[in-house]
Amino acid sequence: MKKIMSVFVAMLMLMSVVSIAFAQDANETVSDGTNETDVPEDDDSDDVSDETEDESEDDEAEDEEESDDGVNETEEPEEDEDKEETEEDDADDDAGITPDSPIYGLDRALERISLALTFGKSAKAQKGLAHAQERIMEVQAMIQAKKMDKAEKAQQLHKKTLEDVEEAVEGMNGEEPEDQLEDQLEIEEQLQEQEQVMEQIRARVKEKLQLTEEEQANIDGLVNSLKENVGNAKAKVEAKKNKIKVKVQAKTGKSAEEVDELENRIKAYVKAKTASKGVGKAKANVQAEVSGESEDAEDESEDVEEDSDESEDSEEEQTVPGSQGRGRNN
């Protein structure tokens, strides 16, 4: 009986061991199956993520290209607008305070005070010519803004300024007639420069602005009035110059032809000197606006300034023919 019980217990123990072994095998099989299924899932997710990244990179590249194209398309008109604004700003800078400014009257009052504090007829005439040049640039700025009433105001002030110049010219006297002749030729040269600037303004307006026939007629009238102002001043200078040439003949005993030769030599000297001053620079600016080549005009004005520096350096070594012992007119 005991043997039977022992055999039975041994069989139970064997069966339990076998069942435990089967259970462990089953667990290992399940875990292996889980691992096998997990690996392909990881591969698929990696592929999906890679594809997503590639698509996002392509989308970003396309967006960047589109944005670059948009920037390039908008940059060109901005450059054109900037160029037009620069030309208008340059004209305003030359004009300074224009008649449409609320402080224009104050600026003119200060200008008159400055002129009153300038001593010597020659110095007064030169300062008056500079003021007249400013009035011309104001007329140009107001025409560009199509403020014809303000342009007319600047033209009237230009006339009054040149009348003051004429008065100063009439009162210019000095001990040396050759010096007086040079003064008159300087004034004459600047007046001729102003006439040229007026014609360039007329040409620029016709080219740049869309004008009605009435507006064009008004502008032509303004420019003609400016030229008339200058013409009257030139007549005064011419009369004064002829009187001085008679004095030169009387003092030196030279013939009329010799005095004319002296005048031409002084005129060439004056022309080179005047080109370096404000009138020559204003003329170059207007030429630039007419042709649309502002850079070339800047180079031209720089060359003129360099030439003027050289001429000023040479003044100490050379004396204008007939101008020895020079003293400015009072």
C-alpha atoms as a PDB file:
ATOM      1  CA  MET A   1       0.000   0.000   0.000  1.00  0.00           C
ATOM      2  CA  LYS A   2       2.785   2.330   0.892  1.00  0.00           C
ATOM      3  CA  LYS A   3       4.482   1.591  -2.375  1.00  0.00           C
ATOM      4  CA  ILE A   4       1.349   2.523  -4.253  1.00  0.00           C
ATOM      5  CA  MET A   5       1.080   5.811  -2.376  1.00  0.00           C
ATOM      6  CA  SER A   6       4.723   6.589  -3.055  1.00  0.00           C
ATOM      7  CA  VAL A   7       4.307   5.911  -6.753  1.00  0.00           C
ATOM      8  CA  PHE A   8       1.180   8.098  -6.829  1.00  0.00           C
ATOM      9  CA  VAL A   9       2.966  10.990  -5.116  1.00  0.00           C
ATOM     10  CA  ALA A  10       5.908  10.680  -7.487  1.00  0.00           C
ATOM     11  CA  MET A  11       3.594  10.814 -10.490  1.00  0.00           C
ATOM     12  CA  LEU A  12       1.878  13.911  -9.109  1.00  0.00           C
ATOM     13  CA  MET A  13       5.225  15.621  -8.628  1.00  0.00           C
ATOM     14  CA  LEU A  14       6.302  14.665 -12.170  1.00  0.00           C
ATOM     15  CA  MET A  15       3.077  15.983 -13.633  1.00  0.00           C
ATOM     16  CA  SER A  16       3.430  19.267 -11.739  1.00  0.00           C
ATOM     17  CA  VAL A  17       6.987  19.697 -12.995  1.00  0.00           C
ATOM     18  CA  VAL A  18       5.900  18.998 -16.576  1.00  0.00           C
ATOM     19  CA  SER A  19       2.987  21.446 -16.323  1.00  0.00           C
ATOM     20  CA  ILE A  20       5.308  24.155 -14.987  1.00  0.00           C
ATOM     21  CA  ALA A  21       7.695  23.552 -17.871  1.00  0.00           C
ATOM     22  CA  PHE A  22       4.859  23.814 -20.393  1.00  0.00           C
ATOM     23  CA  ALA A  23       3.694  27.052 -18.773  1.00  0.00           C
ATOM     24  CA  GLN A  24       7.184  28.574 -19.041  1.00  0.00           C
ATOM     25  CA  ASP A  25       7.393  27.553 -22.712  1.00  0.00           C
ATOM     26  CA  ALA A  26       4.042  29.155 -23.359  1.00  0.00           C
ATOM     27  CA  ASN A  27       5.131  32.391 -21.707  1.00  0.00           C
ATOM     28  CA  GLU A  28       8.347  32.520 -23.725  1.00  0.00           C
ATOM     29  CA  THR A  29       6.375  31.903 -26.916  1.00  0.00           C
ATOM     30  CA  VAL A  30       3.972  34.717 -26.133  1.00  0.00           C
ATOM     31  CA  SER A  31       6.811  37.122 -25.285  1.00  0.00           C
ATOM     32  CA  ASP A  32       8.642  36.207 -28.466  1.00  0.00           C
ATOM     33  CA  GLY A  33       5.511  36.834 -30.481  1.00  0.00           C
ATOM     34  CA  THR A  34       5.093  40.184 -28.841  1.00  0.00           C
ATOM     35  CA  ASN A  35       8.673  41.166 -29.641  1.00  0.00           C
ATOM     36  CA  GLU A  36       8.295  40.048 -33.212  1.00  0.00           C
ATOM     37  CA  THR A  37       5.199  42.162 -33.729  1.00  0.00           C
ATOM     38  CA  ASP A  38       6.723  45.188 -31.977  1.00  0.00           C
ATOM     39  CA  VAL A  39       9.721  45.379 -34.292  1.00  0.00           C
ATOM     40  CA  PRO A  40       7.797  45.858 -37.530  1.00  0.00           C
ATOM     41  CA  GLU A  41       5.608  48.445 -35.804  1.00  0.00           C
ATOM     42  CA  ASP A  42       8.751  50.472 -34.959  1.00  0.00           C
ATOM     43  CA  ASP A  43       9.957  50.214 -38.541  1.00  0.00           C
ATOM     44  CA  ASP A  44       6.646  51.422 -39.878  1.00  0.00           C
ATOM     45  CA  SER A  45       6.539  54.360 -37.490  1.00  0.00           C
ATOM     46  CA  ASP A  46      10.085  55.355 -38.467  1.00  0.00           C
ATOM     47  CA  ASP A  47       9.151  55.249 -42.140  1.00  0.00           C
ATOM     48  CA  VAL A  48       6.049  57.324 -41.522  1.00  0.00           C
ATOM     49  CA  SER A  49       7.990  59.877 -39.493  1.00  0.00           C
ATOM     50  CA  ASP A  50      10.678  60.096 -42.187  1.00  0.00           C
ATOM     51  CA  GLU A  51       8.058  60.631 -44.861  1.00  0.00           C
ATOM     52  CA  THR A  52       6.374  63.302 -42.733  1.00  0.00           C
ATOM     53  CA  GLU A  53       9.678  65.110 -42.180  1.00  0.00           C
ATOM     54  CA  ASP A  54      10.472  65.002 -45.907  1.00  0.00           C
ATOM     55  CA  GLU A  55       7.054  66.371 -46.771  1.00  0.00           C
ATOM     56  CA  SER A  56       7.374  69.176 -44.196  1.00  0.00           C
ATOM     57  CA  GLU A  57      10.832  70.093 -45.514  1.00  0.00           C
ATOM     58  CA  ASP A  58       9.474  70.217 -49.079  1.00  0.00           C
ATOM     59  CA  ASP A  59       6.575  72.400 -47.946  1.00  0.00           C
ATOM     60  CA  GLU A  60       8.960  74.748 -46.126  1.00  0.00           C
ATOM     61  CA  ALA A  61      11.190  74.998 -49.217  1.00  0.00           C
ATOM     62  CA  GLU A  62       8.177  75.802 -51.389  1.00  0.00           C
ATOM     63  CA  ASP A  63       6.991  78.421 -48.896  1.00  0.00           C
ATOM     64  CA  GLU A  64      10.461  80.002 -48.830  1.00  0.00           C
ATOM     65  CA  GLU A  65      10.574  80.114 -52.644  1.00  0.00           C
ATOM     66  CA  GLU A  66       7.128  81.697 -52.778  1.00  0.00           C
ATOM     67  CA  SER A  67       8.083  84.255 -50.122  1.00  0.00           C
ATOM     68  CA  ASP A  68      11.321  85.061 -51.980  1.00  0.00           C
ATOM     69  CA  ASP A  69       9.387  85.527 -55.201  1.00  0.00           C
ATOM     70  CA  GLY A  70       6.950  87.811 -53.417  1.00  0.00           C
ATOM     71  CA  VAL A  71       9.770  89.880 -51.956  1.00  0.00           C
ATOM     72  CA  ASN A  72      11.473  90.186 -55.333  1.00  0.00           C
ATOM     73  CA  GLU A  73       8.222  91.218 -56.981  1.00  0.00           C
ATOM     74  CA  THR A  74       7.583  93.960 -54.417  1.00  0.00           C
ATOM     75  CA  GLU A  75      11.153  95.231 -54.173  1.00  0.00           C
ATOM     76  CA  GLU A  76      11.352  96.639 -57.721  1.00  0.00           C
ATOM     77  CA  PRO A  77       8.445  99.101 -57.457  1.00  0.00           C
ATOM     78  CA  GLU A  78       9.727 100.218 -54.054  1.00  0.00           C
ATOM     79  CA  GLU A  79      13.065 101.118 -55.647  1.00  0.00           C
ATOM     80  CA  ASP A  80      11.296 103.178 -58.312  1.00  0.00           C
ATOM     81  CA  GLU A  81       9.227 104.965 -55.686  1.00  0.00           C
ATOM     82  CA  ASP A  82      12.338 105.664 -53.617  1.00  0.00           C
ATOM     83  CA  LYS A  83      14.058 107.151 -56.682  1.00  0.00           C
ATOM     84  CA  GLU A  84      11.138 109.467 -57.390  1.00  0.00           C
ATOM     85  CA  GLU A  85      10.962 110.520 -53.736  1.00  0.00           C
ATOM     86  CA  THR A  86      14.712 111.209 -53.739  1.00  0.00           C
ATOM     87  CA  GLU A  87      14.408 113.516 -56.745  1.00  0.00           C
ATOM     88  CA  GLU A  88      11.584 115.428 -55.061  1.00  0.00           C
ATOM     89  CA  ASP A  89      13.542 115.617 -51.796  1.00  0.00           C
ATOM     90  CA  ASP A  90      16.567 117.002 -53.637  1.00  0.00           C
ATOM     91  CA  ALA A  91      14.464 119.774 -55.147  1.00  0.00           C
ATOM     92  CA  ASP A  92      12.998 120.606 -51.737  1.00  0.00           C
ATOM     93  CA  ASP A  93      16.476 120.685 -50.177  1.00  0.00           C
ATOM     94  CA  ASP A  94      17.681 123.188 -52.797  1.00  0.00           C
ATOM     95  CA  ALA A  95      14.631 125.380 -52.207  1.00  0.00           C
ATOM     96  CA  GLY A  96      14.962 125.374 -48.420  1.00  0.00           C
ATOM     97  CA  ILE A  97      11.896 126.841 -46.691  1.00  0.00           C
ATOM     98  CA  THR A  98       9.233 127.183 -49.379  1.00  0.00           C
ATOM     99  CA  PRO A  99       6.314 129.650 -49.617  1.00  0.00           C
ATOM    100  CA  ASP A 100       3.835 127.021 -48.402  1.00  0.00           C
ATOM    101  CA  SER A 101       5.635 126.818 -45.042  1.00  0.00           C
ATOM    102  CA  PRO A 102       4.121 128.686 -42.054  1.00  0.00           C
ATOM    103  CA  ILE A 103       7.552 130.132 -41.194  1.00  0.00           C
ATOM    104  CA  TYR A 104       8.301 131.373 -44.712  1.00  0.00           C
ATOM    105  CA  GLY A 105       7.613 135.000 -43.738  1.00  0.00           C
ATOM    106  CA  LEU A 106       9.938 134.734 -40.749  1.00  0.00           C
ATOM    107  CA  ASP A 107      12.680 133.267 -42.921  1.00  0.00           C
ATOM    108  CA  ARG A 108      12.373 136.157 -45.390  1.00  0.00           C
ATOM    109  CA  ALA A 109      12.509 138.675 -42.529  1.00  0.00           C
ATOM    110  CA  LEU A 110      15.752 137.142 -41.264  1.00  0.00           C
ATOM    111  CA  GLU A 111      17.070 137.263 -44.815  1.00  0.00           C
ATOM    112  CA  ARG A 112      16.363 141.001 -45.049  1.00  0.00           C
ATOM    113  CA  ILE A 113      18.095 141.603 -41.730  1.00  0.00           C
ATOM    114  CA  SER A 114      21.150 139.697 -42.966  1.00  0.00           C
ATOM    115  CA  LEU A 115      21.219 141.816 -46.118  1.00  0.00           C
ATOM    116  CA  ALA A 116      20.918 145.040 -44.102  1.00  0.00           C
ATOM    117  CA  LEU A 117      23.892 144.006 -41.968  1.00  0.00           C
ATOM    118  CA  THR A 118      26.027 143.360 -45.069  1.00  0.00           C
ATOM    119  CA  PHE A 119      28.363 146.276 -45.756  1.00  0.00           C
ATOM    120  CA  GLY A 120      29.645 147.282 -49.170  1.00  0.00           C
ATOM    121  CA  LYS A 121      27.659 147.513 -52.388  1.00  0.00           C
ATOM    122  CA  SER A 122      29.522 144.632 -54.000  1.00  0.00           C
ATOM    123  CA  ALA A 123      28.854 142.322 -51.041  1.00  0.00           C
ATOM    124  CA  LYS A 124      25.187 143.362 -50.995  1.00  0.00           C
ATOM    125  CA  ALA A 125      24.847 142.602 -54.692  1.00  0.00           C
ATOM    126  CA  GLN A 126      26.430 139.164 -54.286  1.00  0.00           C
ATOM    127  CA  LYS A 127      24.199 138.264 -51.343  1.00  0.00           C
ATOM    128  CA  GLY A 128      21.158 139.516 -53.228  1.00  0.00           C
ATOM    129  CA  LEU A 129      22.021 137.256 -56.155  1.00  0.00           C
ATOM    130  CA  ALA A 130      22.222 134.274 -53.796  1.00  0.00           C
ATOM    131  CA  HIS A 131      18.770 135.131 -52.433  1.00  0.00           C
ATOM    132  CA  ALA A 132      17.418 135.462 -55.971  1.00  0.00           C
ATOM    133  CA  GLN A 133      18.727 131.983 -56.768  1.00  0.00           C
ATOM    134  CA  GLU A 134      16.824 130.609 -53.771  1.00  0.00           C
ATOM    135  CA  ARG A 135      13.624 132.223 -55.051  1.00  0.00           C
ATOM    136  CA  ILE A 136      14.079 130.420 -58.374  1.00  0.00           C
ATOM    137  CA  MET A 137      14.395 127.052 -56.643  1.00  0.00           C
ATOM    138  CA  GLU A 138      11.303 127.866 -54.574  1.00  0.00           C
ATOM    139  CA  VAL A 139       9.377 128.526 -57.775  1.00  0.00           C
ATOM    140  CA  GLN A 140      10.498 125.132 -59.072  1.00  0.00           C
ATOM    141  CA  ALA A 141       9.432 123.341 -55.868  1.00  0.00           C
ATOM    142  CA  MET A 142       6.002 124.970 -55.889  1.00  0.00           C
ATOM    143  CA  ILE A 143       5.479 124.167 -59.572  1.00  0.00           C
ATOM    144  CA  GLN A 144       6.271 120.515 -58.863  1.00  0.00           C
ATOM    145  CA  ALA A 145       3.712 120.591 -56.036  1.00  0.00           C
ATOM    146  CA  LYS A 146       1.248 122.329 -58.404  1.00  0.00           C
ATOM    147  CA  LYS A 147       0.853 125.208 -55.957  1.00  0.00           C
ATOM    148  CA  MET A 148       0.821 127.942 -58.548  1.00  0.00           C
ATOM    149  CA  ASP A 149      -0.192 130.728 -56.162  1.00  0.00           C
ATOM    150  CA  LYS A 150       2.848 129.986 -53.992  1.00  0.00           C
ATOM    151  CA  ALA A 151       5.079 129.837 -57.062  1.00  0.00           C
ATOM    152  CA  GLU A 152       3.761 133.259 -58.072  1.00  0.00           C
ATOM    153  CA  LYS A 153       4.641 134.577 -54.610  1.00  0.00           C
ATOM    154  CA  ALA A 154       8.233 133.348 -54.936  1.00  0.00           C
ATOM    155  CA  GLN A 155       8.456 134.918 -58.405  1.00  0.00           C
ATOM    156  CA  GLN A 156       7.370 138.314 -57.053  1.00  0.00           C
ATOM    157  CA  LEU A 157       9.992 138.101 -54.305  1.00  0.00           C
ATOM    158  CA  HIS A 158      12.585 137.198 -56.940  1.00  0.00           C
ATOM    159  CA  LYS A 159      11.712 140.420 -58.763  1.00  0.00           C
ATOM    160  CA  LYS A 160      12.047 142.492 -55.577  1.00  0.00           C
ATOM    161  CA  THR A 161      15.375 140.847 -54.732  1.00  0.00           C
ATOM    162  CA  LEU A 162      16.853 141.645 -58.139  1.00  0.00           C
ATOM    163  CA  GLU A 163      15.654 145.239 -57.834  1.00  0.00           C
ATOM    164  CA  ASP A 164      17.765 145.459 -54.671  1.00  0.00           C
ATOM    165  CA  VAL A 165      20.685 144.014 -56.636  1.00  0.00           C
ATOM    166  CA  GLU A 166      20.202 146.678 -59.329  1.00  0.00           C
ATOM    167  CA  GLU A 167      20.297 149.389 -56.670  1.00  0.00           C
ATOM    168  CA  ALA A 168      23.530 147.982 -55.263  1.00  0.00           C
ATOM    169  CA  VAL A 169      25.043 147.797 -58.759  1.00  0.00           C
ATOM    170  CA  GLU A 170      24.220 151.434 -59.445  1.00  0.00           C
ATOM    171  CA  GLY A 171      25.979 152.500 -56.257  1.00  0.00           C
ATOM    172  CA  MET A 172      29.139 150.427 -56.775  1.00  0.00           C
ATOM    173  CA  ASN A 173      32.259 152.588 -57.057  1.00  0.00           C
ATOM    174  CA  GLY A 174      35.941 152.126 -56.431  1.00  0.00           C
ATOM    175  CA  GLU A 175      39.375 153.551 -57.033  1.00  0.00           C
ATOM    176  CA  GLU A 176      40.377 150.953 -59.618  1.00  0.00           C
ATOM    177  CA  PRO A 177      38.087 150.719 -62.692  1.00  0.00           C
ATOM    178  CA  GLU A 178      39.536 147.289 -63.516  1.00  0.00           C
ATOM    179  CA  ASP A 179      38.263 146.029 -60.158  1.00  0.00           C
ATOM    180  CA  GLN A 180      34.846 147.522 -60.847  1.00  0.00           C
ATOM    181  CA  LEU A 181      34.790 145.789 -64.216  1.00  0.00           C
ATOM    182  CA  GLU A 182      35.474 142.423 -62.593  1.00  0.00           C
ATOM    183  CA  ASP A 183      32.640 142.992 -60.096  1.00  0.00           C
ATOM    184  CA  GLN A 184      30.176 143.715 -62.901  1.00  0.00           C
ATOM    185  CA  LEU A 185      31.300 140.672 -64.871  1.00  0.00           C
ATOM    186  CA  GLU A 186      30.783 138.455 -61.815  1.00  0.00           C
ATOM    187  CA  ILE A 187      27.221 139.710 -61.436  1.00  0.00           C
ATOM    188  CA  GLU A 188      26.580 139.339 -65.159  1.00  0.00           C
ATOM    189  CA  GLU A 189      27.814 135.730 -65.134  1.00  0.00           C
ATOM    190  CA  GLN A 190      25.547 134.771 -62.246  1.00  0.00           C
ATOM    191  CA  LEU A 191      22.538 136.347 -63.944  1.00  0.00           C
ATOM    192  CA  GLN A 192      23.248 134.336 -67.093  1.00  0.00           C
ATOM    193  CA  GLU A 193      23.454 131.172 -64.992  1.00  0.00           C
ATOM    194  CA  GLN A 194      20.026 131.954 -63.531  1.00  0.00           C
ATOM    195  CA  GLU A 195      18.551 132.298 -67.019  1.00  0.00           C
ATOM    196  CA  GLN A 196      19.849 128.848 -67.950  1.00  0.00           C
ATOM    197  CA  VAL A 197      18.418 127.331 -64.762  1.00  0.00           C
ATOM    198  CA  MET A 198      14.987 128.745 -65.630  1.00  0.00           C
ATOM    199  CA  GLU A 199      14.955 127.077 -69.038  1.00  0.00           C
ATOM    200  CA  GLN A 200      16.031 123.781 -67.479  1.00  0.00           C
ATOM    201  CA  ILE A 201      13.178 124.032 -64.977  1.00  0.00           C
ATOM    202  CA  ARG A 202      10.726 124.560 -67.840  1.00  0.00           C
ATOM    203  CA  ALA A 203      12.090 121.479 -69.642  1.00  0.00           C
ATOM    204  CA  ARG A 204      11.930 119.326 -66.520  1.00  0.00           C
ATOM    205  CA  VAL A 205       8.344 120.314 -65.768  1.00  0.00           C
ATOM    206  CA  LYS A 206       7.213 119.424 -69.289  1.00  0.00           C
ATOM    207  CA  GLU A 207       8.934 116.052 -69.047  1.00  0.00           C
ATOM    208  CA  LYS A 208       7.971 114.991 -65.522  1.00  0.00           C
ATOM    209  CA  LEU A 209       4.513 116.453 -64.877  1.00  0.00           C
ATOM    210  CA  GLN A 210       1.190 115.734 -66.530  1.00  0.00           C
ATOM    211  CA  LEU A 211      -0.135 119.241 -67.125  1.00  0.00           C
ATOM    212  CA  THR A 212      -3.245 120.690 -68.648  1.00  0.00           C
ATOM    213  CA  GLU A 213      -2.918 123.450 -71.222  1.00  0.00           C
ATOM    214  CA  GLU A 214      -3.902 126.001 -68.598  1.00  0.00           C
ATOM    215  CA  GLU A 215      -1.293 124.750 -66.129  1.00  0.00           C
ATOM    216  CA  GLN A 216       1.401 124.763 -68.814  1.00  0.00           C
ATOM    217  CA  ALA A 217       0.452 128.319 -69.771  1.00  0.00           C
ATOM    218  CA  ASN A 218       0.718 129.412 -66.134  1.00  0.00           C
ATOM    219  CA  ILE A 219       4.157 127.818 -65.817  1.00  0.00           C
ATOM    220  CA  ASP A 220       5.357 129.433 -69.031  1.00  0.00           C
ATOM    221  CA  GLY A 221       4.154 132.759 -67.680  1.00  0.00           C
ATOM    222  CA  LEU A 222       6.066 132.266 -64.429  1.00  0.00           C
ATOM    223  CA  VAL A 223       9.293 131.317 -66.184  1.00  0.00           C
ATOM    224  CA  ASN A 224       8.971 134.243 -68.582  1.00  0.00           C
ATOM    225  CA  SER A 225       8.448 136.603 -65.632  1.00  0.00           C
ATOM    226  CA  LEU A 226      11.588 135.245 -63.971  1.00  0.00           C
ATOM    227  CA  LYS A 227      13.540 135.771 -67.179  1.00  0.00           C
ATOM    228  CA  GLU A 228      12.175 139.302 -67.453  1.00  0.00           C
ATOM    229  CA  ASN A 229      13.383 140.028 -63.917  1.00  0.00           C
ATOM    230  CA  VAL A 230      16.848 138.811 -64.847  1.00  0.00           C
ATOM    231  CA  GLY A 231      16.791 140.711 -68.140  1.00  0.00           C
ATOM    232  CA  ASN A 232      16.107 143.995 -66.352  1.00  0.00           C
ATOM    233  CA  ALA A 233      18.983 143.370 -63.963  1.00  0.00           C
ATOM    234  CA  LYS A 234      21.318 142.463 -66.843  1.00  0.00           C
ATOM    235  CA  ALA A 235      20.461 145.742 -68.584  1.00  0.00           C
ATOM    236  CA  LYS A 236      21.469 147.672 -65.460  1.00  0.00           C
ATOM    237  CA  VAL A 237      24.719 145.730 -65.214  1.00  0.00           C
ATOM    238  CA  GLU A 238      25.488 146.283 -68.906  1.00  0.00           C
ATOM    239  CA  ALA A 239      24.986 150.045 -68.580  1.00  0.00           C
ATOM    240  CA  LYS A 240      27.216 150.172 -65.511  1.00  0.00           C
ATOM    241  CA  LYS A 241      29.844 148.021 -67.225  1.00  0.00           C
ATOM    242  CA  ASN A 242      30.020 150.339 -70.245  1.00  0.00           C
ATOM    243  CA  LYS A 243      30.597 153.333 -67.974  1.00  0.00           C
ATOM    244  CA  ILE A 244      33.415 151.488 -66.233  1.00  0.00           C
ATOM    245  CA  LYS A 245      35.053 150.544 -69.549  1.00  0.00           C
ATOM    246  CA  VAL A 246      35.203 154.237 -70.433  1.00  0.00           C
ATOM    247  CA  LYS A 247      36.977 154.842 -67.126  1.00  0.00           C
ATOM    248  CA  VAL A 248      39.469 152.083 -67.927  1.00  0.00           C
ATOM    249  CA  GLN A 249      40.240 153.718 -71.274  1.00  0.00           C
ATOM    250  CA  ALA A 250      40.698 157.100 -69.647  1.00  0.00           C
ATOM    251  CA  LYS A 251      43.014 155.754 -66.965  1.00  0.00           C
ATOM    252  CA  THR A 252      45.154 153.388 -69.041  1.00  0.00           C
ATOM    253  CA  GLY A 253      45.054 155.054 -72.464  1.00  0.00           C
ATOM    254  CA  LYS A 254      44.043 151.745 -74.058  1.00  0.00           C
ATOM    255  CA  SER A 255      41.880 151.561 -77.147  1.00  0.00           C
ATOM    256  CA  ALA A 256      38.335 150.210 -77.084  1.00  0.00           C
ATOM    257  CA  GLU A 257      39.553 146.959 -78.647  1.00  0.00           C
ATOM    258  CA  GLU A 258      42.212 146.530 -75.971  1.00  0.00           C
ATOM    259  CA  VAL A 259      39.655 147.133 -73.239  1.00  0.00           C
ATOM    260  CA  ASP A 260      37.398 144.522 -74.849  1.00  0.00           C
ATOM    261  CA  GLU A 261      40.287 142.045 -74.766  1.00  0.00           C
ATOM    262  CA  LEU A 262      40.814 142.845 -71.093  1.00  0.00           C
ATOM    263  CA  GLU A 263      37.112 142.250 -70.487  1.00  0.00           C
ATOM    264  CA  ASN A 264      37.284 138.827 -72.175  1.00  0.00           C
ATOM    265  CA  ARG A 265      40.270 137.780 -70.064  1.00  0.00           C
ATOM    266  CA  ILE A 266      38.558 138.834 -66.854  1.00  0.00           C
ATOM    267  CA  LYS A 267      35.331 137.158 -67.985  1.00  0.00           C
ATOM    268  CA  ALA A 268      37.097 133.808 -68.479  1.00  0.00           C
ATOM    269  CA  TYR A 269      38.558 134.076 -64.989  1.00  0.00           C
ATOM    270  CA  VAL A 270      35.179 135.010 -63.503  1.00  0.00           C
ATOM    271  CA  LYS A 271      33.400 132.152 -65.292  1.00  0.00           C
ATOM    272  CA  ALA A 272      35.738 129.575 -63.771  1.00  0.00           C
ATOM    273  CA  LYS A 273      35.344 131.091 -60.314  1.00  0.00           C
ATOM    274  CA  THR A 274      31.555 131.447 -60.490  1.00  0.00           C
ATOM    275  CA  ALA A 275      31.139 127.809 -61.535  1.00  0.00           C
ATOM    276  CA  SER A 276      32.321 126.733 -58.079  1.00  0.00           C
ATOM    277  CA  LYS A 277      29.649 128.729 -56.263  1.00  0.00           C
ATOM    278  CA  GLY A 278      26.031 127.944 -55.407  1.00  0.00           C
ATOM    279  CA  VAL A 279      24.586 128.984 -58.770  1.00  0.00           C
ATOM    280  CA  GLY A 280      26.725 126.462 -60.648  1.00  0.00           C
ATOM    281  CA  LYS A 281      25.762 123.725 -58.201  1.00  0.00           C
ATOM    282  CA  ALA A 282      22.048 124.552 -58.507  1.00  0.00           C
ATOM    283  CA  LYS A 283      22.385 124.435 -62.284  1.00  0.00           C
ATOM    284  CA  ALA A 284      23.972 120.968 -62.076  1.00  0.00           C
ATOM    285  CA  ASN A 285      21.124 119.759 -59.828  1.00  0.00           C
ATOM    286  CA  VAL A 286      18.454 120.939 -62.254  1.00  0.00           C
ATOM    287  CA  GLN A 287      20.344 119.340 -65.157  1.00  0.00           C
ATOM    288  CA  ALA A 288      20.354 116.082 -63.207  1.00  0.00           C
ATOM    289  CA  GLU A 289      16.596 116.248 -62.706  1.00  0.00           C
ATOM    290  CA  VAL A 290      16.013 116.939 -66.396  1.00  0.00           C
ATOM    291  CA  SER A 291      18.191 114.030 -67.539  1.00  0.00           C
ATOM    292  CA  GLY A 292      17.472 111.710 -64.595  1.00  0.00           C
ATOM    293  CA  GLU A 293      21.199 111.212 -63.981  1.00  0.00           C
ATOM    294  CA  SER A 294      21.690 112.523 -60.449  1.00  0.00           C
ATOM    295  CA  GLU A 295      24.929 110.602 -59.926  1.00  0.00           C
ATOM    296  CA  ASP A 296      26.547 112.214 -62.969  1.00  0.00           C
ATOM    297  CA  ALA A 297      25.485 115.637 -61.747  1.00  0.00           C
ATOM    298  CA  GLU A 298      27.037 114.963 -58.344  1.00  0.00           C
ATOM    299  CA  ASP A 299      30.275 113.958 -60.034  1.00  0.00           C
ATOM    300  CA  GLU A 300      30.118 117.112 -62.158  1.00  0.00           C
ATOM    301  CA  SER A 301      29.616 119.331 -59.118  1.00  0.00           C
ATOM    302  CA  GLU A 302      32.488 117.559 -57.324  1.00  0.00           C
ATOM    303  CA  ASP A 303      34.749 118.166 -60.334  1.00  0.00           C
ATOM    304  CA  VAL A 304      33.738 121.815 -60.343  1.00  0.00           C
ATOM    305  CA  GLU A 305      34.563 122.097 -56.651  1.00  0.00           C
ATOM    306  CA  GLU A 306      37.973 120.510 -57.217  1.00  0.00           C
ATOM    307  CA  ASP A 307      38.664 122.927 -60.061  1.00  0.00           C
ATOM    308  CA  SER A 308      37.604 125.812 -57.863  1.00  0.00           C
ATOM    309  CA  ASP A 309      40.000 124.714 -55.122  1.00  0.00           C
ATOM    310  CA  GLU A 310      42.836 124.674 -57.653  1.00  0.00           C
ATOM    311  CA  SER A 311      41.851 128.102 -58.963  1.00  0.00           C
ATOM    312  CA  GLU A 312      41.748 129.499 -55.434  1.00  0.00           C
ATOM    313  CA  ASP A 313      45.214 128.105 -54.751  1.00  0.00           C
ATOM    314  CA  SER A 314      46.514 129.706 -57.937  1.00  0.00           C
ATOM    315  CA  GLU A 315      44.987 133.088 -57.063  1.00  0.00           C
ATOM    316  CA  GLU A 316      47.804 133.696 -54.609  1.00  0.00           C
ATOM    317  CA  GLU A 317      50.369 133.196 -57.356  1.00  0.00           C
ATOM    318  CA  GLN A 318      48.541 134.948 -60.208  1.00  0.00           C
ATOM    319  CA  THR A 319      46.780 138.262 -60.558  1.00  0.00           C
ATOM    320  CA  VAL A 320      43.913 138.920 -62.929  1.00  0.00           C
ATOM    321  CA  PRO A 321      45.108 141.126 -65.788  1.00  0.00           C
ATOM    322  CA  GLY A 322      44.482 144.730 -64.929  1.00  0.00           C
ATOM    323  CA  SER A 323      43.565 143.980 -61.299  1.00  0.00           C
ATOM    324  CA  GLN A 324      46.756 144.818 -59.450  1.00  0.00           C
ATOM    325  CA  GLY A 325      46.231 146.683 -56.230  1.00  0.00           C
ATOM    326  CA  ARG A 326      42.660 145.344 -56.127  1.00  0.00           C
ATOM    327  CA  GLY A 327      40.268 146.711 -53.532  1.00  0.00           C
ATOM    328  CA  ARG A 328      36.588 145.811 -53.320  1.00  0.00           C
ATOM    329  CA  ASN A 329      33.996 148.398 -54.249  1.00  0.00           C
ATOM    330  CA  ASN A 330      32.104 150.169 -51.532  1.00  0.00           C
END
